[in-house]
């Protein structure tokens, strides 16, 4: 599996992918309050091991984050992974195989992101959502 930096595309965060695969599913993962994407390394790596491209923005990590800004960043992460070839060009995400996942605060952001993209996402998962 491969690990990349979303900052190259203008968004702080990470992306985990399988080593190759075309038209894969992609998810954007939202972190909990006062946590960052690095806390979910194992989860993101596990998703990639199953053939899912997993992107996690590392924004809104402060004491007073905006759930709406994180929701927007989840959408941006999906735009990035679905809009470019990843890795050495041997990885792509199909634009109709997208989802959002979040834990705690990120779960709420995932719900807001899904509400803002009703015809674009195949799934939304909120694990222990909180404001």
Protein backbone atom coordinates (compact mmCIF):
# COMPACT_ATOMS: atom_id res chain seq x y z
CA UNK A 1 0.00 0.00 0.00
CA UNK A 2 1.04 3.59 -0.60
CA UNK A 3 0.81 6.75 1.50
CA UNK A 4 0.68 10.25 0.05
CA UNK A 5 0.32 13.86 1.13
CA UNK A 6 -2.83 15.78 0.19
CA UNK A 7 -0.90 19.03 0.71
CA UNK A 8 0.54 18.61 -2.79
CA UNK A 9 -3.00 19.35 -4.01
CA UNK A 10 -3.52 22.24 -1.55
CA UNK A 11 -5.25 20.46 1.36
CA UNK A 12 -3.40 19.38 4.51
CA UNK A 13 -3.86 15.68 5.08
CA UNK A 14 -2.95 12.19 3.95
CA UNK A 15 -4.12 9.65 1.42
CA UNK A 16 -3.65 5.88 1.58
CA UNK A 17 -4.05 3.71 -1.50
CA UNK A 18 -3.50 0.17 -2.65
CA UNK A 19 -0.38 -0.21 -4.80
CA UNK A 20 -2.45 -0.24 -7.99
CA UNK A 21 -6.01 -0.40 -9.23
CA UNK A 22 -8.27 1.47 -11.58
CA UNK A 23 -11.80 2.70 -10.85
CA UNK A 24 -11.46 2.03 -7.12
CA UNK A 25 -13.82 3.26 -4.41
CA UNK A 26 -12.71 6.35 -2.49
CA UNK A 27 -13.63 7.64 0.95
CA UNK A 28 -12.84 10.82 2.80
CA UNK A 29 -12.32 10.29 6.53
CA UNK A 30 -13.07 12.98 9.14
CA UNK A 31 -11.15 12.99 12.43
CA UNK A 32 -12.51 13.52 15.94
CA UNK A 33 -12.26 16.78 17.92
CA UNK A 34 -8.69 17.72 18.91
CA UNK A 35 -7.37 14.80 16.89
CA UNK A 36 -5.65 14.74 13.54
CA UNK A 37 -5.46 12.44 10.57
CA UNK A 38 -2.29 10.81 11.95
CA UNK A 39 -4.39 9.28 14.75
CA UNK A 40 -6.19 7.15 12.15
CA UNK A 41 -3.14 5.74 10.38
CA UNK A 42 -4.16 2.14 11.11
CA UNK A 43 -7.76 2.63 9.99
CA UNK A 44 -6.76 4.37 6.76
CA UNK A 45 -4.14 1.72 6.04
CA UNK A 46 -6.71 -1.02 6.64
CA UNK A 47 -9.15 0.58 4.18
CA UNK A 48 -6.39 0.74 1.56
CA UNK A 49 -5.57 -2.92 2.15
CA UNK A 50 -9.14 -3.69 1.03
CA UNK A 51 -8.74 -1.73 -2.21
CA UNK A 52 -10.26 1.54 -1.01
CA UNK A 53 -8.53 4.87 -1.50
CA UNK A 54 -8.80 6.65 1.86
CA UNK A 55 -8.12 10.39 2.16
CA UNK A 56 -8.12 12.23 5.49
CA UNK A 57 -7.97 16.02 5.67
CA UNK A 58 -5.88 17.29 8.57
CA UNK A 59 -7.75 20.55 9.04
CA UNK A 60 -9.96 21.93 11.82
CA UNK A 61 -7.79 20.40 14.55
CA UNK A 62 -7.91 23.32 16.99
CA UNK A 63 -9.94 23.94 20.14
CA UNK A 64 -12.86 25.60 18.29
CA UNK A 65 -13.12 23.85 14.91
CA UNK A 66 -15.84 24.38 12.33
CA UNK A 67 -17.81 21.25 11.45
CA UNK A 68 -18.92 22.90 8.21
CA UNK A 69 -15.34 23.67 7.19
CA UNK A 70 -14.33 20.06 7.86
CA UNK A 71 -17.35 18.90 5.83
CA UNK A 72 -16.18 21.10 2.96
CA UNK A 73 -12.66 19.67 3.28
CA UNK A 74 -14.06 16.13 3.09
CA UNK A 75 -15.65 17.08 -0.23
CA UNK A 76 -12.39 18.64 -1.40
CA UNK A 77 -10.49 15.46 -0.49
CA UNK A 78 -12.92 13.46 -2.63
CA UNK A 79 -12.46 15.91 -5.51
CA UNK A 80 -8.71 15.41 -5.28
CA UNK A 81 -8.69 11.61 -5.20
CA UNK A 82 -11.35 11.26 -7.90
CA UNK A 83 -9.84 13.94 -10.12
CA UNK A 84 -6.25 12.77 -10.56
CA UNK A 85 -4.33 9.57 -11.09
CA UNK A 86 -2.62 8.63 -7.86
CA UNK A 87 0.74 7.10 -7.08
CA UNK A 88 2.73 6.53 -10.24
CA UNK A 89 -0.43 6.80 -12.33
CA UNK A 90 -1.58 3.21 -11.74
CA UNK A 91 -4.35 4.17 -9.30
CA UNK A 92 -7.65 5.89 -10.02
CA UNK A 93 -10.91 6.42 -8.16
CA UNK A 94 -14.20 6.11 -10.00
CA UNK A 95 -16.31 9.27 -9.51
CA UNK A 96 -19.44 7.23 -8.79
CA UNK A 97 -17.81 5.16 -6.00
CA UNK A 98 -17.38 7.81 -3.31
CA UNK A 99 -18.23 7.97 0.36
CA UNK A 100 -17.56 9.88 3.56
CA UNK A 101 -16.69 8.43 6.96
CA UNK A 102 -16.05 10.22 10.21
CA UNK A 103 -15.41 9.58 13.89
CA UNK A 104 -16.84 11.81 16.64
CA UNK A 105 -16.63 15.40 15.42
CA UNK A 106 -15.68 14.02 12.00
CA UNK A 107 -18.85 11.90 12.04
CA UNK A 108 -20.91 15.07 12.21
CA UNK A 109 -18.81 16.55 9.41
CA UNK A 110 -19.46 13.42 7.34
CA UNK A 111 -23.22 13.88 7.79
CA UNK A 112 -23.00 17.53 6.71
CA UNK A 113 -20.80 16.59 3.75
CA UNK A 114 -23.30 13.93 2.66
CA UNK A 115 -26.17 16.41 2.95
CA UNK A 116 -24.26 18.82 0.72
CA UNK A 117 -23.58 16.17 -1.95
CA UNK A 118 -26.83 14.16 -2.09
CA UNK A 119 -26.41 12.77 -5.61
CA UNK A 120 -22.66 12.24 -5.51
CA UNK A 121 -22.03 9.85 -2.61
CA UNK A 122 -22.77 6.16 -2.38
CA UNK A 123 -22.31 5.98 1.38
CA UNK A 124 -21.93 8.01 4.55
CA UNK A 125 -20.79 6.56 7.86
CA UNK A 126 -20.87 8.46 11.16
CA UNK A 127 -19.05 6.64 13.96
CA UNK A 128 -20.06 8.10 17.33
CA UNK A 129 -21.08 11.47 15.81
CA UNK A 130 -20.85 14.51 18.06
CA UNK A 131 -20.80 18.27 17.70
